[in-house]
Amino acid sequence: MRYQVHFIDVQNDLKNYIWMLEDTETQEVVAIDPTESKLVENFCEQHHLKLTQIWLTHWHKDHIGGVPVLIAQHSIPVFGPREELSKIPFITHALQHADQFRFNQLNVDIIATPGHTLGHIVYFIDQIDSLFCGDTLFSLGCGRVFEGTFEQMYHSLNRLAALPPRTQVYCTHEYTLANAQFVLTIEPHNLALQERAQQVQQLRENGQITLPSSIQLELETNPFLRTDCVEEFARIRTLKDQF
């Protein structure tokens, strides 16, 4: 594989991961939602990689915290949501829905997914079956609706559900176990979900990551991707907020 995805476990209270997309031929790498600069610098040093791009999904501090120091040390482009420029002034390449750009030989497609924040975007790369989705879609869950509306989040999730089933889902938090405990109360008879929950429990007991997921797996086990209407989505999301 020319392109490999690595993770950095931030080991913070929010259980953040920083995803690193490497071109193994050039040893160039992208940092996606870098929470802390030092972790990215250490990773690049350890693996002899050159940081060449930063991608941001939304403005929350646990997604952009490391950027100011990284761009002070590296003269590199910062890609991020056009709608959140006022909150992320160091974006150099402002992106909106259906925009495209390149990382070496890869074509990167932007999908707007408002709901968690108003300007949230995600990065889809069909060539390597990869979706970097920030806080819109989680394994067995979805992000809280902070700035947007339930309707916006419902439509954003439907956009992601329509991606190729093989697509690997790289979300930014290790919330899978907590999400499993909730969605089992919504779909207690879902056998695929029961099986997934057991696997997740085992992985976490062994200190292992539960990601990436896939669109196929989420369609089978994530009730947030299968609601029939906005009202049903809002009902389940509200229950999760109170869980």
C-alpha atoms as a PDB file:
ATOM      1  CA  MET A   1       0.000   0.000   0.000  1.00  0.00           C
ATOM      2  CA  ARG A   2       1.438   3.339  -1.038  1.00  0.00           C
ATOM      3  CA  TYR A   3      -0.764   5.214   1.435  1.00  0.00           C
ATOM      4  CA  GLN A   4      -1.067   4.237   5.067  1.00  0.00           C
ATOM      5  CA  VAL A   5      -3.173   5.684   7.868  1.00  0.00           C
ATOM      6  CA  HIS A   6      -1.640   5.860  11.344  1.00  0.00           C
ATOM      7  CA  PHE A   7      -3.167   7.030  14.588  1.00  0.00           C
ATOM      8  CA  ILE A   8      -1.806   8.979  17.518  1.00  0.00           C
ATOM      9  CA  ASP A   9      -3.654   8.400  20.787  1.00  0.00           C
ATOM     10  CA  VAL A  10      -3.782  11.800  22.489  1.00  0.00           C
ATOM     11  CA  GLN A  11      -4.697  10.097  25.791  1.00  0.00           C
ATOM     12  CA  ASN A  12      -6.814  13.017  26.927  1.00  0.00           C
ATOM     13  CA  ASP A  13     -10.211  13.018  28.673  1.00  0.00           C
ATOM     14  CA  LEU A  14     -11.992  13.378  25.324  1.00  0.00           C
ATOM     15  CA  LYS A  15     -10.247  10.257  23.951  1.00  0.00           C
ATOM     16  CA  ASN A  16      -8.999  12.055  20.814  1.00  0.00           C
ATOM     17  CA  TYR A  17      -7.085  10.414  18.007  1.00  0.00           C
ATOM     18  CA  ILE A  18      -4.940  12.359  15.550  1.00  0.00           C
ATOM     19  CA  TRP A  19      -4.961  10.596  12.167  1.00  0.00           C
ATOM     20  CA  MET A  20      -1.781  10.710  10.086  1.00  0.00           C
ATOM     21  CA  LEU A  21      -2.041   9.881   6.365  1.00  0.00           C
ATOM     22  CA  GLU A  22       1.355   8.817   4.995  1.00  0.00           C
ATOM     23  CA  ASP A  23       2.608   8.575   1.424  1.00  0.00           C
ATOM     24  CA  THR A  24       5.102   5.749   1.944  1.00  0.00           C
ATOM     25  CA  GLU A  25       6.939   6.525  -1.331  1.00  0.00           C
ATOM     26  CA  THR A  26       7.743  10.122  -0.440  1.00  0.00           C
ATOM     27  CA  GLN A  27       7.545   9.803   3.380  1.00  0.00           C
ATOM     28  CA  GLU A  28       5.278  12.840   3.385  1.00  0.00           C
ATOM     29  CA  VAL A  29       2.371  12.932   5.818  1.00  0.00           C
ATOM     30  CA  VAL A  30      -0.861  14.789   6.543  1.00  0.00           C
ATOM     31  CA  ALA A  31      -2.006  15.518  10.104  1.00  0.00           C
ATOM     32  CA  ILE A  32      -5.781  15.476  10.497  1.00  0.00           C
ATOM     33  CA  ASP A  33      -7.286  17.424  13.410  1.00  0.00           C
ATOM     34  CA  PRO A  34      -3.999  17.716  15.344  1.00  0.00           C
ATOM     35  CA  THR A  35      -4.918  18.193  19.000  1.00  0.00           C
ATOM     36  CA  GLU A  36      -1.342  18.695  20.208  1.00  0.00           C
ATOM     37  CA  SER A  37       1.674  19.788  18.172  1.00  0.00           C
ATOM     38  CA  LYS A  38       4.258  17.882  20.213  1.00  0.00           C
ATOM     39  CA  LEU A  39       2.603  14.535  19.538  1.00  0.00           C
ATOM     40  CA  VAL A  40       2.660  15.189  15.790  1.00  0.00           C
ATOM     41  CA  GLU A  41       6.282  16.364  15.876  1.00  0.00           C
ATOM     42  CA  ASN A  42       7.361  13.318  17.873  1.00  0.00           C
ATOM     43  CA  PHE A  43       5.534  10.954  15.514  1.00  0.00           C
ATOM     44  CA  CYS A  44       7.130  12.509  12.432  1.00  0.00           C
ATOM     45  CA  GLU A  45      10.572  12.400  14.014  1.00  0.00           C
ATOM     46  CA  GLN A  46      10.196   8.808  15.147  1.00  0.00           C
ATOM     47  CA  HIS A  47       9.033   7.594  11.720  1.00  0.00           C
ATOM     48  CA  HIS A  48      11.221   9.912   9.605  1.00  0.00           C
ATOM     49  CA  LEU A  49       8.224  11.647   8.024  1.00  0.00           C
ATOM     50  CA  LYS A  50       7.831  15.134   6.622  1.00  0.00           C
ATOM     51  CA  LEU A  51       4.624  16.980   7.542  1.00  0.00           C
ATOM     52  CA  THR A  52       3.286  18.619   4.362  1.00  0.00           C
ATOM     53  CA  GLN A  53      -0.423  19.315   4.990  1.00  0.00           C
ATOM     54  CA  ILE A  54      -2.909  19.810   7.833  1.00  0.00           C
ATOM     55  CA  TRP A  55      -6.623  19.026   7.438  1.00  0.00           C
ATOM     56  CA  LEU A  56      -9.238  20.345   9.863  1.00  0.00           C
ATOM     57  CA  THR A  57     -12.869  19.226  10.137  1.00  0.00           C
ATOM     58  CA  HIS A  58     -14.190  21.923  12.501  1.00  0.00           C
ATOM     59  CA  TRP A  59     -13.179  24.609  14.973  1.00  0.00           C
ATOM     60  CA  HIS A  60     -13.363  22.843  18.354  1.00  0.00           C
ATOM     61  CA  LYS A  61     -10.147  23.227  20.331  1.00  0.00           C
ATOM     62  CA  ASP A  62      -9.451  19.494  20.633  1.00  0.00           C
ATOM     63  CA  HIS A  63      -9.258  19.426  16.812  1.00  0.00           C
ATOM     64  CA  ILE A  64      -7.154  22.522  16.115  1.00  0.00           C
ATOM     65  CA  GLY A  65      -5.091  22.974  19.291  1.00  0.00           C
ATOM     66  CA  GLY A  66      -1.766  21.924  17.789  1.00  0.00           C
ATOM     67  CA  VAL A  67      -1.995  23.935  14.572  1.00  0.00           C
ATOM     68  CA  PRO A  68      -0.465  27.319  15.582  1.00  0.00           C
ATOM     69  CA  VAL A  69       2.792  25.721  16.753  1.00  0.00           C
ATOM     70  CA  LEU A  70       2.950  23.336  13.774  1.00  0.00           C
ATOM     71  CA  ILE A  71       2.578  26.127  11.202  1.00  0.00           C
ATOM     72  CA  ALA A  72       5.110  28.243  13.055  1.00  0.00           C
ATOM     73  CA  GLN A  73       7.618  25.419  12.558  1.00  0.00           C
ATOM     74  CA  HIS A  74       6.540  24.280   9.072  1.00  0.00           C
ATOM     75  CA  SER A  75       5.487  26.433   6.135  1.00  0.00           C
ATOM     76  CA  ILE A  76       2.598  24.202   5.068  1.00  0.00           C
ATOM     77  CA  PRO A  77      -1.024  24.612   3.894  1.00  0.00           C
ATOM     78  CA  VAL A  78      -3.879  24.279   6.357  1.00  0.00           C
ATOM     79  CA  PHE A  79      -7.137  23.012   4.822  1.00  0.00           C
ATOM     80  CA  GLY A  80     -10.381  23.641   6.667  1.00  0.00           C
ATOM     81  CA  PRO A  81     -14.024  24.711   6.510  1.00  0.00           C
ATOM     82  CA  ARG A  82     -14.775  28.010   4.774  1.00  0.00           C
ATOM     83  CA  GLU A  83     -17.788  28.492   7.053  1.00  0.00           C
ATOM     84  CA  GLU A  84     -15.523  28.545  10.125  1.00  0.00           C
ATOM     85  CA  LEU A  85     -12.777  30.903   8.930  1.00  0.00           C
ATOM     86  CA  SER A  86     -13.702  33.409  11.624  1.00  0.00           C
ATOM     87  CA  LYS A  87     -12.961  30.763  14.274  1.00  0.00           C
ATOM     88  CA  ILE A  88      -9.952  29.184  12.518  1.00  0.00           C
ATOM     89  CA  PRO A  89      -8.098  32.198  11.062  1.00  0.00           C
ATOM     90  CA  PHE A  90      -4.976  30.174  10.204  1.00  0.00           C
ATOM     91  CA  ILE A  91      -6.749  28.181   7.458  1.00  0.00           C
ATOM     92  CA  THR A  92      -4.906  28.826   4.174  1.00  0.00           C
ATOM     93  CA  HIS A  93      -7.217  26.763   1.937  1.00  0.00           C
ATOM     94  CA  ALA A  94     -10.886  27.336   2.809  1.00  0.00           C
ATOM     95  CA  LEU A  95     -13.143  24.514   1.636  1.00  0.00           C
ATOM     96  CA  GLN A  96     -16.848  23.996   1.103  1.00  0.00           C
ATOM     97  CA  HIS A  97     -19.106  21.199  -0.105  1.00  0.00           C
ATOM     98  CA  ALA A  98     -17.987  19.481  -3.349  1.00  0.00           C
ATOM     99  CA  ASP A  99     -14.557  21.127  -3.352  1.00  0.00           C
ATOM    100  CA  GLN A 100     -11.585  18.958  -4.298  1.00  0.00           C
ATOM    101  CA  PHE A 101      -7.839  19.129  -3.740  1.00  0.00           C
ATOM    102  CA  ARG A 102      -4.880  16.763  -3.865  1.00  0.00           C
ATOM    103  CA  PHE A 103      -2.428  15.152  -1.510  1.00  0.00           C
ATOM    104  CA  ASN A 104       0.249  13.848  -3.862  1.00  0.00           C
ATOM    105  CA  GLN A 105      -1.552  11.303  -6.099  1.00  0.00           C
ATOM    106  CA  LEU A 106      -4.760  11.295  -4.081  1.00  0.00           C
ATOM    107  CA  ASN A 107      -7.922  13.226  -4.945  1.00  0.00           C
ATOM    108  CA  VAL A 108      -9.630  14.477  -1.793  1.00  0.00           C
ATOM    109  CA  ASP A 109     -13.371  15.262  -1.888  1.00  0.00           C
ATOM    110  CA  ILE A 110     -15.026  17.583   0.596  1.00  0.00           C
ATOM    111  CA  ILE A 111     -18.480  16.811   1.969  1.00  0.00           C
ATOM    112  CA  ALA A 112     -20.241  19.405   4.109  1.00  0.00           C
ATOM    113  CA  THR A 113     -21.725  17.834   7.254  1.00  0.00           C
ATOM    114  CA  PRO A 114     -23.223  20.612   9.396  1.00  0.00           C
ATOM    115  CA  GLY A 115     -24.844  19.693  12.704  1.00  0.00           C
ATOM    116  CA  HIS A 116     -22.122  19.222  15.297  1.00  0.00           C
ATOM    117  CA  THR A 117     -20.864  22.640  14.214  1.00  0.00           C
ATOM    118  CA  LEU A 118     -22.350  24.797  11.468  1.00  0.00           C
ATOM    119  CA  GLY A 119     -19.344  24.531   9.160  1.00  0.00           C
ATOM    120  CA  HIS A 120     -18.190  20.955   9.807  1.00  0.00           C
ATOM    121  CA  ILE A 121     -16.654  19.242   6.756  1.00  0.00           C
ATOM    122  CA  VAL A 122     -15.287  15.752   6.151  1.00  0.00           C
ATOM    123  CA  TYR A 123     -12.583  14.419   3.821  1.00  0.00           C
ATOM    124  CA  PHE A 124     -13.392  11.490   1.507  1.00  0.00           C
ATOM    125  CA  ILE A 125     -10.738   9.717  -0.589  1.00  0.00           C
ATOM    126  CA  ASP A 126     -12.300   7.128  -2.865  1.00  0.00           C
ATOM    127  CA  GLN A 127      -8.927   5.811  -4.125  1.00  0.00           C
ATOM    128  CA  ILE A 128      -8.029   4.496  -0.680  1.00  0.00           C
ATOM    129  CA  ASP A 129     -11.580   3.906   0.616  1.00  0.00           C
ATOM    130  CA  SER A 130     -11.112   6.411   3.424  1.00  0.00           C
ATOM    131  CA  LEU A 131     -13.336   8.923   5.214  1.00  0.00           C
ATOM    132  CA  PHE A 132     -11.931  11.309   7.833  1.00  0.00           C
ATOM    133  CA  CYS A 133     -15.141  12.440   9.469  1.00  0.00           C
ATOM    134  CA  GLY A 134     -14.191  14.378  12.610  1.00  0.00           C
ATOM    135  CA  ASP A 135     -17.166  14.473  14.970  1.00  0.00           C
ATOM    136  CA  THR A 136     -20.037  13.907  12.524  1.00  0.00           C
ATOM    137  CA  LEU A 137     -20.113  10.095  12.421  1.00  0.00           C
ATOM    138  CA  PHE A 138     -18.744   7.939  15.220  1.00  0.00           C
ATOM    139  CA  SER A 139     -18.498   4.176  15.381  1.00  0.00           C
ATOM    140  CA  LEU A 140     -21.945   3.178  16.690  1.00  0.00           C
ATOM    141  CA  GLY A 141     -22.873   6.839  17.144  1.00  0.00           C
ATOM    142  CA  CYS A 142     -22.765  10.400  15.903  1.00  0.00           C
ATOM    143  CA  GLY A 143     -21.660  13.760  17.219  1.00  0.00           C
ATOM    144  CA  ARG A 144     -23.712  15.919  19.537  1.00  0.00           C
ATOM    145  CA  VAL A 145     -25.778  18.580  17.823  1.00  0.00           C
ATOM    146  CA  PHE A 146     -24.166  21.719  19.248  1.00  0.00           C
ATOM    147  CA  GLU A 147     -24.481  24.555  16.728  1.00  0.00           C
ATOM    148  CA  GLY A 148     -26.658  23.070  14.022  1.00  0.00           C
ATOM    149  CA  THR A 149     -30.087  21.468  14.008  1.00  0.00           C
ATOM    150  CA  PHE A 150     -31.258  17.871  14.197  1.00  0.00           C
ATOM    151  CA  GLU A 151     -32.392  18.253  10.594  1.00  0.00           C
ATOM    152  CA  GLN A 152     -28.914  19.318   9.464  1.00  0.00           C
ATOM    153  CA  MET A 153     -27.269  16.408  11.284  1.00  0.00           C
ATOM    154  CA  TYR A 154     -29.816  13.949   9.908  1.00  0.00           C
ATOM    155  CA  HIS A 155     -29.052  15.021   6.332  1.00  0.00           C
ATOM    156  CA  SER A 156     -25.296  15.063   7.004  1.00  0.00           C
ATOM    157  CA  LEU A 157     -25.396  11.463   8.233  1.00  0.00           C
ATOM    158  CA  ASN A 158     -27.479  10.453   5.207  1.00  0.00           C
ATOM    159  CA  ARG A 159     -24.751  11.875   2.949  1.00  0.00           C
ATOM    160  CA  LEU A 160     -22.177   9.683   4.674  1.00  0.00           C
ATOM    161  CA  ALA A 161     -24.441   6.621   4.674  1.00  0.00           C
ATOM    162  CA  ALA A 162     -24.570   6.880   0.863  1.00  0.00           C
ATOM    163  CA  LEU A 163     -20.789   6.477   0.495  1.00  0.00           C
ATOM    164  CA  PRO A 164     -19.436   3.119  -0.785  1.00  0.00           C
ATOM    165  CA  PRO A 165     -19.938   0.421   1.898  1.00  0.00           C
ATOM    166  CA  ARG A 166     -16.215  -0.487   1.825  1.00  0.00           C
ATOM    167  CA  THR A 167     -15.255   3.039   2.954  1.00  0.00           C
ATOM    168  CA  GLN A 168     -13.156   3.017   6.125  1.00  0.00           C
ATOM    169  CA  VAL A 169     -14.460   5.430   8.762  1.00  0.00           C
ATOM    170  CA  TYR A 170     -11.782   7.349  10.669  1.00  0.00           C
ATOM    171  CA  CYS A 171     -13.540   9.386  13.358  1.00  0.00           C
ATOM    172  CA  THR A 172     -11.710  11.422  15.961  1.00  0.00           C
ATOM    173  CA  HIS A 173     -12.730   9.913  19.310  1.00  0.00           C
ATOM    174  CA  GLU A 174     -12.605   6.507  20.977  1.00  0.00           C
ATOM    175  CA  TYR A 175     -16.268   6.535  21.951  1.00  0.00           C
ATOM    176  CA  THR A 176     -17.210   3.137  20.534  1.00  0.00           C
ATOM    177  CA  LEU A 177     -17.673   1.271  23.828  1.00  0.00           C
ATOM    178  CA  ALA A 178     -19.851   3.973  25.392  1.00  0.00           C
ATOM    179  CA  ASN A 179     -21.823   4.215  22.150  1.00  0.00           C
ATOM    180  CA  ALA A 180     -22.336   0.434  22.106  1.00  0.00           C
ATOM    181  CA  GLN A 181     -23.816   0.497  25.602  1.00  0.00           C
ATOM    182  CA  PHE A 182     -26.353   3.086  24.453  1.00  0.00           C
ATOM    183  CA  VAL A 183     -27.341   1.659  21.070  1.00  0.00           C
ATOM    184  CA  LEU A 184     -27.956  -1.766  22.617  1.00  0.00           C
ATOM    185  CA  THR A 185     -30.843  -0.094  24.482  1.00  0.00           C
ATOM    186  CA  ILE A 186     -32.242   1.089  21.131  1.00  0.00           C
ATOM    187  CA  GLU A 187     -31.736  -2.153  19.196  1.00  0.00           C
ATOM    188  CA  PRO A 188     -31.399  -4.925  21.809  1.00  0.00           C
ATOM    189  CA  HIS A 189     -32.222  -7.666  19.275  1.00  0.00           C
ATOM    190  CA  ASN A 190     -29.714  -6.593  16.608  1.00  0.00           C
ATOM    191  CA  LEU A 191     -27.377  -9.622  16.376  1.00  0.00           C
ATOM    192  CA  ALA A 192     -24.706  -7.772  14.374  1.00  0.00           C
ATOM    193  CA  LEU A 193     -24.709  -5.061  17.026  1.00  0.00           C
ATOM    194  CA  GLN A 194     -24.422  -7.592  19.864  1.00  0.00           C
ATOM    195  CA  GLU A 195     -21.441  -9.170  18.123  1.00  0.00           C
ATOM    196  CA  ARG A 196     -19.835  -5.779  17.486  1.00  0.00           C
ATOM    197  CA  ALA A 197     -20.332  -4.740  21.112  1.00  0.00           C
ATOM    198  CA  GLN A 198     -18.546  -7.891  22.305  1.00  0.00           C
ATOM    199  CA  GLN A 199     -15.629  -7.274  19.937  1.00  0.00           C
ATOM    200  CA  VAL A 200     -15.361  -3.663  21.100  1.00  0.00           C
ATOM    201  CA  GLN A 201     -15.413  -4.715  24.763  1.00  0.00           C
ATOM    202  CA  GLN A 202     -12.574  -7.159  24.097  1.00  0.00           C
ATOM    203  CA  LEU A 203     -10.506  -4.628  22.146  1.00  0.00           C
ATOM    204  CA  ARG A 204     -10.810  -2.019  24.891  1.00  0.00           C
ATOM    205  CA  GLU A 205      -9.993  -4.543  27.631  1.00  0.00           C
ATOM    206  CA  ASN A 206      -6.794  -5.282  25.679  1.00  0.00           C
ATOM    207  CA  GLY A 207      -6.029  -1.575  25.330  1.00  0.00           C
ATOM    208  CA  GLN A 208      -6.619  -1.647  21.568  1.00  0.00           C
ATOM    209  CA  ILE A 209      -8.220   0.884  19.241  1.00  0.00           C
ATOM    210  CA  THR A 210     -11.724   0.130  17.880  1.00  0.00           C
ATOM    211  CA  LEU A 211     -11.237   2.153  14.674  1.00  0.00           C
ATOM    212  CA  PRO A 212     -11.518   2.415  11.777  1.00  0.00           C
ATOM    213  CA  SER A 213     -15.050   1.239  11.315  1.00  0.00           C
ATOM    214  CA  SER A 214     -16.645   1.042   7.866  1.00  0.00           C
ATOM    215  CA  ILE A 215     -19.787   2.406   6.259  1.00  0.00           C
ATOM    216  CA  GLN A 216     -20.983  -1.198   5.824  1.00  0.00           C
ATOM    217  CA  LEU A 217     -20.509  -1.966   9.522  1.00  0.00           C
ATOM    218  CA  GLU A 218     -22.165   1.285  10.580  1.00  0.00           C
ATOM    219  CA  LEU A 219     -25.165   0.635   8.332  1.00  0.00           C
ATOM    220  CA  GLU A 220     -25.575  -2.739  10.083  1.00  0.00           C
ATOM    221  CA  THR A 221     -25.012  -1.604  13.662  1.00  0.00           C
ATOM    222  CA  ASN A 222     -25.495   2.173  14.008  1.00  0.00           C
ATOM    223  CA  PRO A 223     -29.151   3.183  14.464  1.00  0.00           C
ATOM    224  CA  PHE A 224     -28.296   6.848  13.840  1.00  0.00           C
ATOM    225  CA  LEU A 225     -27.690   5.922  10.182  1.00  0.00           C
ATOM    226  CA  ARG A 226     -31.004   4.118   9.821  1.00  0.00           C
ATOM    227  CA  THR A 227     -33.605   6.557  11.136  1.00  0.00           C
ATOM    228  CA  ASP A 228     -36.499   7.125   8.725  1.00  0.00           C
ATOM    229  CA  CYS A 229     -37.097  10.791   9.500  1.00  0.00           C
ATOM    230  CA  VAL A 230     -35.702  13.803  11.325  1.00  0.00           C
ATOM    231  CA  GLU A 231     -38.093  13.292  14.256  1.00  0.00           C
ATOM    232  CA  GLU A 232     -36.876   9.730  14.831  1.00  0.00           C
ATOM    233  CA  PHE A 233     -33.260  10.884  14.647  1.00  0.00           C
ATOM    234  CA  ALA A 234     -33.927  13.728  17.098  1.00  0.00           C
ATOM    235  CA  ARG A 235     -35.602  11.299  19.523  1.00  0.00           C
ATOM    236  CA  ILE A 236     -32.619   8.916  19.568  1.00  0.00           C
ATOM    237  CA  ARG A 237     -30.041  11.717  19.718  1.00  0.00           C
ATOM    238  CA  THR A 238     -31.876  13.297  22.672  1.00  0.00           C
ATOM    239  CA  LEU A 239     -31.949   9.931  24.461  1.00  0.00           C
ATOM    240  CA  LYS A 240     -28.196   9.601  23.904  1.00  0.00           C
ATOM    241  CA  ASP A 241     -27.612  13.090  25.335  1.00  0.00           C
ATOM    242  CA  GLN A 242     -29.403  11.975  28.520  1.00  0.00           C
ATOM    243  CA  PHE A 243     -27.865   8.487  28.699  1.00  0.00           C
END
